Structure formats: C-alpha cells, structure tokens
Protein backbone atom coordinates (compact mmCIF):
# COMPACT_ATOMS: atom_id res chain seq x y z
CA MET A 1 12.01 13.59 -8.35
CA ASP A 2 12.01 15.15 -11.80
CA GLY A 3 14.12 12.62 -13.68
CA ARG A 4 13.80 9.23 -15.27
CA VAL A 5 14.47 5.91 -13.49
CA ARG A 6 14.69 2.53 -15.17
CA GLY A 7 14.63 0.06 -12.31
CA ASN A 8 12.94 -0.42 -8.97
CA VAL A 9 12.58 2.30 -6.35
CA ILE A 10 12.58 0.69 -2.90
CA ALA A 11 12.80 2.38 0.51
CA GLU A 12 15.03 0.44 2.90
CA GLY A 13 14.79 0.25 6.65
CA GLU A 14 11.89 1.06 8.90
CA GLY A 15 11.91 4.84 8.33
CA ARG A 16 9.07 6.98 7.10
CA SER A 17 10.30 7.39 3.54
CA VAL A 18 8.38 9.48 1.03
CA LEU A 19 8.67 9.43 -2.76
CA ILE A 20 7.45 12.54 -4.58
CA LEU A 21 7.39 12.18 -8.37
CA SER A 22 6.78 15.41 -10.29
CA GLU A 23 4.79 15.64 -13.50
CA HIS A 24 8.11 15.39 -15.40
CA GLY A 25 9.22 12.27 -13.51
CA HIS A 26 9.09 8.78 -15.03
CA ILE A 27 9.76 5.41 -13.36
CA GLU A 28 9.91 2.10 -15.22
CA GLY A 29 9.94 -0.46 -12.43
CA GLU A 30 8.37 -1.37 -9.15
CA VAL A 31 7.90 1.25 -6.42
CA ARG A 32 7.95 0.16 -2.73
CA VAL A 33 7.84 3.19 -0.45
CA PRO A 34 5.61 3.80 2.62
CA GLN A 35 4.31 7.15 1.33
CA VAL A 36 4.03 7.93 -2.37
CA VAL A 37 2.97 11.18 -4.05
CA LEU A 38 2.71 10.82 -7.83
CA ASN A 39 2.13 13.44 -10.49
CA GLY A 40 4.26 11.72 -13.14
CA THR A 41 4.35 8.31 -14.79
CA VAL A 42 5.03 4.89 -13.27
CA VAL A 43 5.17 1.77 -15.44
CA GLY A 44 5.14 -0.95 -12.81
CA ASP A 45 3.39 -1.82 -9.58
CA VAL A 46 3.23 0.67 -6.72
CA HIS A 47 3.31 -0.63 -3.12
CA ALA A 48 2.67 1.96 -0.39
CA SER A 49 2.28 0.60 3.14
CA GLU A 50 0.91 3.93 4.40
CA ARG A 51 -0.58 6.16 1.71
CA VAL A 52 -0.67 6.99 -1.99
CA GLU A 53 -1.57 10.38 -3.38
CA LEU A 54 -2.27 10.48 -7.12
CA ALA A 55 -2.25 14.04 -8.41
CA SER A 56 -4.08 15.11 -11.56
CA LYS A 57 -1.25 14.22 -14.00
CA ALA A 58 -0.37 10.87 -12.39
CA ARG A 59 -0.29 7.90 -14.78
CA VAL A 60 0.26 4.39 -13.41
CA THR A 61 0.43 1.32 -15.64
CA GLY A 62 0.37 -1.42 -13.04
CA ASP A 63 -1.34 -2.31 -9.78
CA VAL A 64 -1.48 0.14 -6.88
CA HIS A 65 -1.30 -1.47 -3.42
CA TYR A 66 -2.25 1.02 -0.70
CA ASN A 67 -3.52 1.44 2.83
CA LEU A 68 -4.92 4.95 2.26
CA ILE A 69 -5.38 6.56 -1.16
CA GLU A 70 -6.16 10.04 -2.41
CA MET A 71 -6.85 10.42 -6.12
CA ALA A 72 -7.38 13.72 -7.96
CA ILE A 73 -9.59 14.16 -10.98
CA GLY A 74 -7.50 13.36 -14.05
CA ALA A 75 -5.25 10.78 -12.39
CA GLU A 76 -5.12 7.47 -14.24
CA VAL A 77 -4.48 3.90 -13.09
CA ASN A 78 -4.29 1.19 -15.73
CA GLY A 79 -4.29 -1.76 -13.38
CA SER A 80 -5.91 -2.79 -10.11
CA LEU A 81 -6.34 -0.83 -6.90
CA VAL A 82 -5.55 -3.22 -4.05
CA HIS A 83 -6.43 -2.11 -0.51
CA LEU A 84 -4.14 -3.37 2.25
CA THR A 85 -4.85 -3.40 5.96
CA ARG A 86 -2.06 -2.13 8.20
CA ALA A 87 -1.23 -5.73 9.12
CA GLN A 88 -0.93 -6.70 5.44
CA ALA A 89 1.17 -3.63 4.71
CA GLY A 90 3.61 -4.59 7.45
CA SER A 91 3.01 -1.55 9.66
CA GLU A 92 1.62 -3.60 12.51
CA PRO A 93 2.06 -7.25 13.37
CA ALA A 94 -0.83 -9.42 12.34
CA ALA A 95 -3.03 -10.69 15.15
CA PRO A 96 -2.33 -14.35 15.93
CA ALA A 97 -4.94 -16.77 14.71
CA VAL A 98 -7.12 -18.08 17.52
CA GLU A 99 -9.01 -21.29 17.02
CA PRO A 100 -12.32 -21.49 18.88
CA ARG A 101 -12.51 -24.22 21.49
CA ALA A 102 -15.64 -26.18 22.21
CA ALA A 103 -17.11 -25.61 25.68
CA PRO A 104 -16.90 -28.61 28.02
CA ALA A 105 -20.08 -30.67 28.19
CA GLY A 106 -22.57 -29.21 30.62
CA ALA A 107 -20.85 -25.83 30.78
CA GLY A 108 -23.31 -23.11 29.93
CA PRO A 109 -23.02 -19.34 29.84
CA GLY A 110 -22.61 -19.24 33.63
CA GLY A 111 -19.39 -21.26 33.62
CA GLY A 112 -20.67 -24.59 35.03
CA GLU A 113 -19.03 -24.38 38.49
C-alpha cells in the first residue's frame, strides 16, 4: 500500500492475509493482520498473529504485538514490543488448564496396587 488510511486496517476471516506498507504509506489507526511488512508510518497499535517485519524506514507510534518479529536497522517503534505465543495470537487453541490432583494416601510412585 502506498496511500494514506485514516481508520483501522483489519483482516477478516481465517485467511493468511498480508499487509505491505511502502515507505510512502501512512496509517492512522489500529492494524490487525496476521502478517505485516512495514516500511512506512503507523500511528496506532499493530497486532500481527504471525509475524511483523519492520524495514529500515518503518515508524510505529504505538505498541507492536507479534509472534515473530524482524527489525532492520533504522526502524523505529515508539511504544512497547509485546511478544505473543501462538495460543495468545489465536493461531492455535490454548491448552486447557489442568489442576494437579493429590495422590491418594499411601499411593507412592509405584501406584499403590
């Protein structure tokens, strides 16, 4: 994308969407796309469930939420870098919580039977 967007950029569905923002591109709003390649300016948070590539002219004013990140020398983030696991990013279901159970009295490592 070479233009200017005022508003959010959000990929819909479960596809493998990619946003490529050229050095002339400018987004004022939140970005939510699985794969993001930035060489322009984003004023807002970036959420990438798969990967973010920040090229040398990338400028982000906001937090970058990523699973995998590549950042070139010269790229700038004025905000936080927040690492997400695949489960947090929504790519895989989170493992169910398992509560440990106490072993019955007298049961040792051998099973007790």
